[in-house]
Amino acid sequence: MPVKPFAVIAVTAAIALGVGCGSDSTGDGVDSAGTQADQVVESLSPEARELLRRAEELAGRTARTGREYATGDTPPSVASQRLEDYATQGERLTEDVRDLPESDPARERIMKLSVQVTDTARELRAQAGTGKAPDPSALDDLLSGLQTEGEGVYDRYRDRLPAEARDEIGKAVDELAGR
C-alpha cells in the first residue's frame, strides 16, 4: 500500500502526546489514556505549554510540506529547504525541552514529539534532496506500527483535538488506511 511519509508525523504526534492506548474501564466513554492526557495538559507549566505549542506547529508545518512535496505541489528544492529549516528548528526545540525540569509531567512526551518531528523532517529532506518523488518504503516499519493505533486515536479523540490537528490526523489516518 503506498503511503505518503507525512502521515507518520500527524499520527505520531497524537500518540506521542498520550492521546490513545487506553481502556474505558468505567464505562463513561472516556478511556484511561484520555483521562491521563487531559490531566497532563491541565498540569502543564507555562514553559511546557509554549514548547508543546511550538512542537505542534512544527509537526503541522512539516506534515504540510511533506504532503505538498509528495503530491508535487511543492518542488523538491523548495521542500528540501523548508524541511532543512524544520529539522534545525526541531533540534533547537529539543534543546529547549531539555531545559524543562525532569519533574515536569510533559517533558518526556514533548521531547519524544520534537525528536520524532526532527527525524521525520530529516528523512523527508533527504528524499527531497534527491529531486525524486518520495519513497515511503523507508518508513514501512514505522508505519505498520502506527496504522492500527492511529485509527483508534482518531476515532476515540477527534472531538477533543483542535480543528487543525483533527484535520491533519484525519488525513493521515485516511492515508494510512488507504482511503
N, C-alpha and C. Protein backbone atom coordinates (compact mmCIF):
# COMPACT_ATOMS: atom_id res chain seq x y z
N MET A 1 0.85 -1.17 0.00
CA MET A 1 0.00 0.00 0.00
C MET A 1 0.89 1.23 0.00
N PRO A 2 0.79 2.09 -0.99
CA PRO A 2 1.63 3.29 -1.00
C PRO A 2 1.14 4.27 0.06
N VAL A 3 2.05 4.74 0.88
CA VAL A 3 1.71 5.67 1.95
C VAL A 3 2.67 6.84 1.89
N LYS A 4 2.12 8.03 1.96
CA LYS A 4 2.98 9.21 1.93
C LYS A 4 3.59 9.44 3.30
N PRO A 5 4.87 9.80 3.36
CA PRO A 5 5.56 9.92 4.64
C PRO A 5 4.94 10.92 5.61
N PHE A 6 4.22 11.95 5.13
CA PHE A 6 3.69 12.94 6.06
C PHE A 6 2.74 12.31 7.06
N ALA A 7 2.12 11.20 6.70
CA ALA A 7 1.15 10.56 7.59
C ALA A 7 1.78 10.17 8.91
N VAL A 8 3.04 9.83 8.89
CA VAL A 8 3.74 9.42 10.11
C VAL A 8 3.70 10.53 11.14
N ILE A 9 3.90 11.76 10.71
CA ILE A 9 4.06 12.87 11.64
C ILE A 9 2.81 13.12 12.45
N ALA A 10 1.68 13.25 11.77
CA ALA A 10 0.46 13.60 12.48
C ALA A 10 0.03 12.51 13.44
N VAL A 11 0.10 11.28 13.01
CA VAL A 11 -0.32 10.18 13.88
C VAL A 11 0.66 10.03 15.03
N THR A 12 1.94 10.13 14.76
CA THR A 12 2.94 10.02 15.81
C THR A 12 2.77 11.14 16.83
N ALA A 13 2.44 12.33 16.34
CA ALA A 13 2.24 13.46 17.26
C ALA A 13 1.13 13.14 18.25
N ALA A 14 0.03 12.61 17.76
CA ALA A 14 -1.08 12.28 18.65
C ALA A 14 -0.68 11.20 19.65
N ILE A 15 0.01 10.18 19.16
CA ILE A 15 0.42 9.09 20.03
C ILE A 15 1.46 9.57 21.04
N ALA A 16 2.41 10.36 20.58
CA ALA A 16 3.48 10.83 21.47
C ALA A 16 2.94 11.70 22.60
N LEU A 17 1.85 12.39 22.35
CA LEU A 17 1.27 13.25 23.38
C LEU A 17 0.35 12.48 24.33
N GLY A 18 0.25 11.17 24.14
CA GLY A 18 -0.52 10.37 25.07
C GLY A 18 -1.98 10.27 24.71
N VAL A 19 -2.35 10.57 23.48
CA VAL A 19 -3.74 10.51 23.06
C VAL A 19 -3.98 9.14 22.46
N GLY A 20 -4.38 8.20 23.29
CA GLY A 20 -4.63 6.85 22.78
C GLY A 20 -4.10 5.79 23.71
N CYS A 21 -4.32 4.54 23.36
CA CYS A 21 -3.79 3.39 24.10
C CYS A 21 -4.34 3.32 25.51
N GLY A 22 -5.64 3.22 25.67
CA GLY A 22 -6.21 3.06 26.99
C GLY A 22 -7.47 2.25 26.91
N SER A 23 -8.10 2.04 28.05
CA SER A 23 -9.34 1.27 28.05
C SER A 23 -10.39 2.04 28.83
N ASP A 24 -11.64 1.84 28.44
CA ASP A 24 -12.76 2.51 29.07
C ASP A 24 -13.25 1.63 30.23
N SER A 25 -12.51 1.64 31.32
CA SER A 25 -12.82 0.74 32.43
C SER A 25 -14.03 1.19 33.23
N THR A 26 -14.41 2.44 33.15
CA THR A 26 -15.53 2.94 33.94
C THR A 26 -16.83 2.94 33.16
N GLY A 27 -16.77 2.75 31.86
CA GLY A 27 -17.99 2.75 31.05
C GLY A 27 -18.53 4.13 30.76
N ASP A 28 -17.74 5.17 31.02
CA ASP A 28 -18.24 6.53 30.80
C ASP A 28 -17.89 7.07 29.42
N GLY A 29 -17.29 6.23 28.58
CA GLY A 29 -16.95 6.66 27.23
C GLY A 29 -15.60 7.35 27.14
N VAL A 30 -14.91 7.50 28.26
CA VAL A 30 -13.59 8.12 28.27
C VAL A 30 -12.60 7.07 28.75
N ASP A 31 -11.64 6.72 27.92
CA ASP A 31 -10.71 5.69 28.37
C ASP A 31 -9.62 6.29 29.25
N SER A 32 -8.88 5.42 29.91
CA SER A 32 -7.90 5.87 30.89
C SER A 32 -6.83 6.76 30.27
N ALA A 33 -6.43 6.48 29.03
CA ALA A 33 -5.41 7.33 28.39
C ALA A 33 -5.96 8.72 28.12
N GLY A 34 -7.24 8.79 27.77
CA GLY A 34 -7.86 10.11 27.55
C GLY A 34 -7.86 10.92 28.82
N THR A 35 -8.20 10.28 29.94
CA THR A 35 -8.19 10.97 31.22
C THR A 35 -6.77 11.40 31.56
N GLN A 36 -5.80 10.51 31.35
CA GLN A 36 -4.42 10.86 31.64
C GLN A 36 -3.94 12.01 30.76
N ALA A 37 -4.30 11.98 29.48
CA ALA A 37 -3.88 13.05 28.57
C ALA A 37 -4.47 14.39 29.02
N ASP A 38 -5.76 14.37 29.43
CA ASP A 38 -6.38 15.60 29.93
C ASP A 38 -5.65 16.12 31.16
N GLN A 39 -5.29 15.20 32.07
CA GLN A 39 -4.60 15.60 33.28
C GLN A 39 -3.22 16.18 32.96
N VAL A 40 -2.55 15.59 31.98
CA VAL A 40 -1.23 16.11 31.60
C VAL A 40 -1.35 17.52 31.07
N VAL A 41 -2.32 17.77 30.19
CA VAL A 41 -2.48 19.10 29.62
C VAL A 41 -2.81 20.12 30.71
N GLU A 42 -3.69 19.74 31.64
CA GLU A 42 -4.08 20.65 32.71
C GLU A 42 -2.90 20.98 33.63
N SER A 43 -1.97 20.05 33.75
CA SER A 43 -0.87 20.25 34.70
C SER A 43 0.37 20.89 34.08
N LEU A 44 0.32 21.25 32.81
CA LEU A 44 1.50 21.80 32.15
C LEU A 44 1.88 23.16 32.73
N SER A 45 3.17 23.33 32.87
CA SER A 45 3.68 24.65 33.25
C SER A 45 3.58 25.57 32.04
N PRO A 46 3.63 26.89 32.23
CA PRO A 46 3.59 27.79 31.08
C PRO A 46 4.71 27.51 30.07
N GLU A 47 5.89 27.16 30.58
CA GLU A 47 7.01 26.85 29.69
C GLU A 47 6.72 25.61 28.85
N ALA A 48 6.16 24.59 29.50
CA ALA A 48 5.85 23.35 28.78
C ALA A 48 4.75 23.59 27.75
N ARG A 49 3.75 24.40 28.11
CA ARG A 49 2.69 24.71 27.13
C ARG A 49 3.25 25.38 25.89
N GLU A 50 4.18 26.31 26.10
CA GLU A 50 4.80 27.01 24.97
C GLU A 50 5.61 26.04 24.11
N LEU A 51 6.36 25.16 24.74
CA LEU A 51 7.14 24.17 23.99
C LEU A 51 6.22 23.20 23.24
N LEU A 52 5.13 22.82 23.87
CA LEU A 52 4.17 21.94 23.21
C LEU A 52 3.55 22.64 22.01
N ARG A 53 3.21 23.93 22.17
CA ARG A 53 2.66 24.70 21.05
C ARG A 53 3.66 24.73 19.89
N ARG A 54 4.93 24.99 20.21
CA ARG A 54 5.95 25.02 19.16
C ARG A 54 6.09 23.66 18.49
N ALA A 55 6.05 22.59 19.29
CA ALA A 55 6.18 21.24 18.73
C ALA A 55 5.00 20.92 17.81
N GLU A 56 3.79 21.29 18.23
CA GLU A 56 2.61 21.04 17.41
C GLU A 56 2.67 21.84 16.10
N GLU A 57 3.08 23.11 16.21
CA GLU A 57 3.21 23.93 15.00
C GLU A 57 4.24 23.35 14.04
N LEU A 58 5.36 22.93 14.59
CA LEU A 58 6.42 22.36 13.77
C LEU A 58 5.95 21.05 13.12
N ALA A 59 5.25 20.24 13.87
CA ALA A 59 4.70 19.00 13.30
C ALA A 59 3.73 19.31 12.16
N GLY A 60 2.88 20.31 12.36
CA GLY A 60 1.93 20.69 11.32
C GLY A 60 2.61 21.21 10.07
N ARG A 61 3.60 22.08 10.23
CA ARG A 61 4.32 22.61 9.07
C ARG A 61 5.08 21.51 8.34
N THR A 62 5.70 20.62 9.10
CA THR A 62 6.43 19.51 8.47
C THR A 62 5.46 18.61 7.72
N ALA A 63 4.31 18.34 8.32
CA ALA A 63 3.31 17.49 7.66
C ALA A 63 2.81 18.13 6.37
N ARG A 64 2.51 19.42 6.43
CA ARG A 64 2.02 20.11 5.23
C ARG A 64 3.07 20.10 4.11
N THR A 65 4.31 20.40 4.48
CA THR A 65 5.36 20.40 3.46
C THR A 65 5.56 19.00 2.91
N GLY A 66 5.53 17.99 3.77
CA GLY A 66 5.65 16.61 3.29
C GLY A 66 4.54 16.24 2.34
N ARG A 67 3.32 16.67 2.65
CA ARG A 67 2.18 16.37 1.78
C ARG A 67 2.33 17.10 0.44
N GLU A 68 2.69 18.38 0.51
CA GLU A 68 2.84 19.16 -0.73
C GLU A 68 3.96 18.60 -1.60
N TYR A 69 5.03 18.15 -0.99
CA TYR A 69 6.13 17.54 -1.72
C TYR A 69 5.67 16.22 -2.36
N ALA A 70 4.96 15.41 -1.57
CA ALA A 70 4.51 14.11 -2.06
C ALA A 70 3.51 14.24 -3.21
N THR A 71 2.70 15.28 -3.17
CA THR A 71 1.70 15.46 -4.23
C THR A 71 2.24 16.25 -5.42
N GLY A 72 3.45 16.78 -5.29
CA GLY A 72 4.03 17.55 -6.38
C GLY A 72 3.65 19.02 -6.37
N ASP A 73 2.91 19.45 -5.33
CA ASP A 73 2.51 20.86 -5.24
C ASP A 73 3.68 21.77 -4.84
N THR A 74 4.71 21.20 -4.24
CA THR A 74 5.91 21.95 -3.88
C THR A 74 7.11 21.28 -4.53
N PRO A 75 7.91 22.03 -5.29
CA PRO A 75 9.08 21.42 -5.93
C PRO A 75 10.04 20.84 -4.88
N PRO A 76 10.75 19.77 -5.24
CA PRO A 76 11.68 19.15 -4.29
C PRO A 76 12.70 20.14 -3.70
N SER A 77 13.20 21.07 -4.50
CA SER A 77 14.21 22.01 -3.98
C SER A 77 13.62 22.91 -2.89
N VAL A 78 12.38 23.35 -3.08
CA VAL A 78 11.72 24.19 -2.07
C VAL A 78 11.41 23.37 -0.83
N ALA A 79 10.86 22.17 -1.04
CA ALA A 79 10.55 21.28 0.09
C ALA A 79 11.81 20.97 0.88
N SER A 80 12.90 20.70 0.17
CA SER A 80 14.16 20.36 0.81
C SER A 80 14.62 21.48 1.73
N GLN A 81 14.55 22.74 1.27
CA GLN A 81 14.98 23.88 2.08
C GLN A 81 14.07 24.05 3.30
N ARG A 82 12.76 23.95 3.09
CA ARG A 82 11.84 24.08 4.23
C ARG A 82 12.09 22.99 5.27
N LEU A 83 12.24 21.76 4.79
CA LEU A 83 12.44 20.64 5.71
C LEU A 83 13.76 20.76 6.46
N GLU A 84 14.77 21.30 5.80
CA GLU A 84 16.04 21.54 6.48
C GLU A 84 15.84 22.56 7.61
N ASP A 85 15.07 23.61 7.31
CA ASP A 85 14.76 24.61 8.35
C ASP A 85 13.99 23.98 9.50
N TYR A 86 13.01 23.11 9.18
CA TYR A 86 12.21 22.48 10.22
C TYR A 86 13.07 21.54 11.08
N ALA A 87 14.00 20.83 10.46
CA ALA A 87 14.89 19.95 11.22
C ALA A 87 15.74 20.78 12.18
N THR A 88 16.23 21.93 11.73
CA THR A 88 17.02 22.81 12.58
C THR A 88 16.17 23.35 13.73
N GLN A 89 14.94 23.76 13.41
CA GLN A 89 14.03 24.23 14.45
C GLN A 89 13.74 23.11 15.46
N GLY A 90 13.60 21.90 14.95
CA GLY A 90 13.36 20.75 15.83
C GLY A 90 14.52 20.50 16.77
N GLU A 91 15.73 20.66 16.27
CA GLU A 91 16.91 20.50 17.12
C GLU A 91 16.93 21.55 18.24
N ARG A 92 16.60 22.80 17.87
CA ARG A 92 16.55 23.86 18.88
C ARG A 92 15.45 23.59 19.90
N LEU A 93 14.30 23.11 19.40
CA LEU A 93 13.18 22.79 20.29
C LEU A 93 13.59 21.68 21.26
N THR A 94 14.25 20.66 20.76
CA THR A 94 14.70 19.56 21.61
C THR A 94 15.62 20.07 22.71
N GLU A 95 16.52 20.98 22.36
CA GLU A 95 17.41 21.57 23.37
C GLU A 95 16.61 22.35 24.40
N ASP A 96 15.60 23.10 23.95
CA ASP A 96 14.77 23.86 24.89
C ASP A 96 13.98 22.94 25.81
N VAL A 97 13.52 21.81 25.28
CA VAL A 97 12.77 20.86 26.10
C VAL A 97 13.68 20.28 27.19
N ARG A 98 14.94 20.09 26.86
CA ARG A 98 15.90 19.57 27.86
C ARG A 98 16.03 20.51 29.06
N ASP A 99 15.71 21.80 28.85
CA ASP A 99 15.79 22.77 29.93
C ASP A 99 14.62 22.69 30.91
N LEU A 100 13.55 21.97 30.51
CA LEU A 100 12.43 21.79 31.44
C LEU A 100 12.89 20.92 32.61
N PRO A 101 12.34 21.16 33.79
CA PRO A 101 12.69 20.29 34.92
C PRO A 101 12.29 18.84 34.62
N GLU A 102 13.10 17.90 35.07
CA GLU A 102 12.79 16.50 34.82
C GLU A 102 11.48 16.09 35.47
N SER A 103 11.05 16.83 36.47
CA SER A 103 9.80 16.52 37.15
C SER A 103 8.57 16.98 36.35
N ASP A 104 8.76 17.77 35.32
CA ASP A 104 7.63 18.26 34.52
C ASP A 104 6.96 17.07 33.85
N PRO A 105 5.65 16.87 34.07
CA PRO A 105 4.98 15.68 33.54
C PRO A 105 4.93 15.61 32.01
N ALA A 106 5.10 16.73 31.33
CA ALA A 106 5.01 16.73 29.87
C ALA A 106 6.38 16.64 29.20
N ARG A 107 7.44 16.74 29.96
CA ARG A 107 8.79 16.80 29.39
C ARG A 107 9.07 15.64 28.44
N GLU A 108 8.82 14.43 28.89
CA GLU A 108 9.14 13.25 28.08
C GLU A 108 8.31 13.21 26.80
N ARG A 109 7.02 13.54 26.91
CA ARG A 109 6.16 13.50 25.73
C ARG A 109 6.55 14.56 24.70
N ILE A 110 6.83 15.77 25.18
CA ILE A 110 7.22 16.84 24.26
C ILE A 110 8.57 16.50 23.63
N MET A 111 9.47 15.93 24.41
CA MET A 111 10.77 15.52 23.87
C MET A 111 10.59 14.48 22.77
N LYS A 112 9.75 13.49 23.03
CA LYS A 112 9.51 12.43 22.04
C LYS A 112 8.95 13.04 20.75
N LEU A 113 8.01 13.96 20.88
CA LEU A 113 7.42 14.59 19.70
C LEU A 113 8.46 15.42 18.95
N SER A 114 9.25 16.21 19.67
CA SER A 114 10.23 17.06 18.98
C SER A 114 11.29 16.23 18.27
N VAL A 115 11.73 15.15 18.88
CA VAL A 115 12.71 14.27 18.24
C VAL A 115 12.10 13.59 17.02
N GLN A 116 10.85 13.12 17.14
CA GLN A 116 10.18 12.46 16.01
C GLN A 116 10.01 13.41 14.83
N VAL A 117 9.58 14.63 15.12
CA VAL A 117 9.40 15.60 14.03
C VAL A 117 10.74 15.93 13.39
N THR A 118 11.77 16.11 14.21
CA THR A 118 13.11 16.42 13.68
C THR A 118 13.60 15.28 12.79
N ASP A 119 13.48 14.05 13.27
CA ASP A 119 13.93 12.89 12.49
C ASP A 119 13.14 12.76 11.19
N THR A 120 11.83 13.00 11.26
CA THR A 120 11.00 12.87 10.06
C THR A 120 11.33 13.96 9.06
N ALA A 121 11.56 15.19 9.56
CA ALA A 121 11.95 16.28 8.66
C ALA A 121 13.27 15.94 7.96
N ARG A 122 14.21 15.38 8.70
CA ARG A 122 15.49 14.97 8.09
C ARG A 122 15.28 13.90 7.02
N GLU A 123 14.44 12.90 7.34
CA GLU A 123 14.17 11.81 6.39
C GLU A 123 13.55 12.36 5.11
N LEU A 124 12.53 13.21 5.28
CA LEU A 124 11.88 13.80 4.10
C LEU A 124 12.83 14.71 3.34
N ARG A 125 13.67 15.45 4.08
CA ARG A 125 14.63 16.34 3.43
C ARG A 125 15.62 15.54 2.59
N ALA A 126 16.05 14.41 3.11
CA ALA A 126 16.98 13.55 2.35
C ALA A 126 16.32 13.06 1.07
N GLN A 127 15.03 12.71 1.16
CA GLN A 127 14.31 12.26 -0.04
C GLN A 127 14.13 13.41 -1.01
N ALA A 128 13.76 14.58 -0.49
CA ALA A 128 13.55 15.73 -1.37
C ALA A 128 14.85 16.15 -2.03
N GLY A 129 15.97 15.97 -1.30
CA GLY A 129 17.27 16.34 -1.84
C GLY A 129 17.66 15.55 -3.08
N THR A 130 17.03 14.40 -3.29
CA THR A 130 17.32 13.60 -4.48
C THR A 130 16.60 14.16 -5.70
N GLY A 131 15.60 15.02 -5.47
CA GLY A 131 14.82 15.57 -6.58
C GLY A 131 13.79 14.60 -7.13
N LYS A 132 13.63 13.46 -6.48
CA LYS A 132 12.67 12.44 -6.93
C LYS A 132 11.43 12.45 -6.05
N ALA A 133 10.42 11.73 -6.50
CA ALA A 133 9.21 11.57 -5.70
C ALA A 133 9.57 10.82 -4.41
N PRO A 134 8.83 11.05 -3.33
CA PRO A 134 9.17 10.42 -2.06
C PRO A 134 9.06 8.89 -2.13
N ASP A 135 9.90 8.23 -1.37
CA ASP A 135 9.90 6.78 -1.30
C ASP A 135 9.47 6.36 0.11
N PRO A 136 8.20 6.00 0.29
CA PRO A 136 7.72 5.66 1.63
C PRO A 136 8.22 4.32 2.13
N SER A 137 8.87 3.54 1.29
CA SER A 137 9.31 2.21 1.73
C SER A 137 10.29 2.29 2.89
N ALA A 138 11.05 3.38 2.99
CA ALA A 138 12.00 3.55 4.09
C ALA A 138 11.28 3.67 5.43
N LEU A 139 9.99 3.99 5.40
CA LEU A 139 9.25 4.20 6.64
C LEU A 139 8.28 3.06 6.94
N ASP A 140 8.34 1.97 6.18
CA ASP A 140 7.36 0.88 6.32
C ASP A 140 7.26 0.33 7.74
N ASP A 141 8.40 0.10 8.39
CA ASP A 141 8.38 -0.47 9.74
C ASP A 141 7.63 0.44 10.70
N LEU A 142 7.93 1.73 10.62
CA LEU A 142 7.27 2.69 11.49
C LEU A 142 5.78 2.76 11.19
N LEU A 143 5.44 2.80 9.92
CA LEU A 143 4.03 2.92 9.53
C LEU A 143 3.21 1.72 9.98
N SER A 144 3.76 0.53 9.88
CA SER A 144 2.99 -0.66 10.23
C SER A 144 2.57 -0.62 11.70
N GLY A 145 3.44 -0.08 12.54
CA GLY A 145 3.09 0.03 13.95
C GLY A 145 2.12 1.15 14.26
N LEU A 146 2.03 2.13 13.37
CA LEU A 146 1.18 3.29 13.64
C LEU A 146 -0.22 3.15 13.05
N GLN A 147 -0.41 2.33 12.03
CA GLN A 147 -1.68 2.31 11.31
C GLN A 147 -2.86 2.00 12.23
N THR A 148 -2.82 0.87 12.90
CA THR A 148 -3.94 0.47 13.74
C THR A 148 -4.15 1.43 14.88
N GLU A 149 -3.06 1.80 15.54
CA GLU A 149 -3.17 2.70 16.68
C GLU A 149 -3.63 4.07 16.23
N GLY A 150 -3.14 4.53 15.09
CA GLY A 150 -3.55 5.83 14.57
C GLY A 150 -5.03 5.91 14.31
N GLU A 151 -5.61 4.84 13.76
CA GLU A 151 -7.05 4.83 13.52
C GLU A 151 -7.81 4.91 14.83
N GLY A 152 -7.34 4.18 15.84
CA GLY A 152 -8.01 4.21 17.14
C GLY A 152 -7.91 5.57 17.80
N VAL A 153 -6.74 6.20 17.70
CA VAL A 153 -6.55 7.54 18.26
C VAL A 153 -7.56 8.50 17.67
N TYR A 154 -7.65 8.50 16.35
CA TYR A 154 -8.54 9.46 15.69
C TYR A 154 -9.99 9.19 16.05
N ASP A 155 -10.40 7.91 15.99
CA ASP A 155 -11.80 7.57 16.26
C ASP A 155 -12.21 7.94 17.68
N ARG A 156 -11.31 7.74 18.65
CA ARG A 156 -11.66 7.99 20.04
C ARG A 156 -11.56 9.45 20.45
N TYR A 157 -10.64 10.20 19.81
CA TYR A 157 -10.32 11.53 20.34
C TYR A 157 -10.57 12.68 19.40
N ARG A 158 -11.18 12.43 18.25
CA ARG A 158 -11.32 13.52 17.28
C ARG A 158 -12.04 14.73 17.84
N ASP A 159 -13.01 14.52 18.72
CA ASP A 159 -13.77 15.66 19.27
C ASP A 159 -12.97 16.48 20.26
N ARG A 160 -11.91 15.93 20.82
CA ARG A 160 -11.09 16.65 21.80
C ARG A 160 -9.96 17.43 21.15
N LEU A 161 -9.66 17.12 19.89
CA LEU A 161 -8.50 17.72 19.24
C LEU A 161 -8.83 19.09 18.66
N PRO A 162 -7.88 20.01 18.63
CA PRO A 162 -8.09 21.28 17.93
C PRO A 162 -8.39 20.99 16.46
N ALA A 163 -9.15 21.87 15.81
CA ALA A 163 -9.59 21.64 14.44
C ALA A 163 -8.43 21.32 13.50
N GLU A 164 -7.33 22.07 13.59
CA GLU A 164 -6.21 21.84 12.67
C GLU A 164 -5.60 20.47 12.89
N ALA A 165 -5.41 20.08 14.17
CA ALA A 165 -4.85 18.77 14.47
C ALA A 165 -5.82 17.68 14.03
N ARG A 166 -7.12 17.89 14.24
CA ARG A 166 -8.13 16.91 13.84
C ARG A 166 -8.08 16.69 12.34
N ASP A 167 -7.99 17.77 11.56
CA ASP A 167 -7.92 17.65 10.11
C ASP A 167 -6.65 16.92 9.69
N GLU A 168 -5.53 17.29 10.28
CA GLU A 168 -4.24 16.70 9.92
C GLU A 168 -4.22 15.21 10.24
N ILE A 169 -4.69 14.85 11.44
CA ILE A 169 -4.70 13.45 11.83
C ILE A 169 -5.72 12.67 11.01
N GLY A 170 -6.87 13.29 10.72
CA GLY A 170 -7.87 12.62 9.88
C GLY A 170 -7.31 12.29 8.51
N LYS A 171 -6.60 13.22 7.91
CA LYS A 171 -5.97 12.98 6.61
C LYS A 171 -4.93 11.88 6.71
N ALA A 172 -4.14 11.92 7.80
CA ALA A 172 -3.10 10.90 7.98
C ALA A 172 -3.71 9.52 8.14
N VAL A 173 -4.77 9.44 8.94
CA VAL A 173 -5.42 8.14 9.16
C VAL A 173 -6.00 7.62 7.85
N ASP A 174 -6.66 8.49 7.08
CA ASP A 174 -7.19 8.07 5.79
C ASP A 174 -6.08 7.57 4.89
N GLU A 175 -4.97 8.27 4.90
CA GLU A 175 -3.82 7.88 4.07
C GLU A 175 -3.28 6.53 4.50
N LEU A 176 -3.13 6.36 5.82
CA LEU A 176 -2.62 5.10 6.33
C LEU A 176 -3.56 3.94 6.04
N ALA A 177 -4.86 4.23 6.07
CA ALA A 177 -5.85 3.18 5.82
C ALA A 177 -6.09 2.96 4.33
N GLY A 178 -5.49 3.78 3.49
CA GLY A 178 -5.65 3.62 2.05
C GLY A 178 -7.00 4.11 1.54
N ARG A 179 -7.63 5.02 2.30
CA ARG A 179 -8.94 5.54 1.87
C ARG A 179 -8.77 6.77 1.02
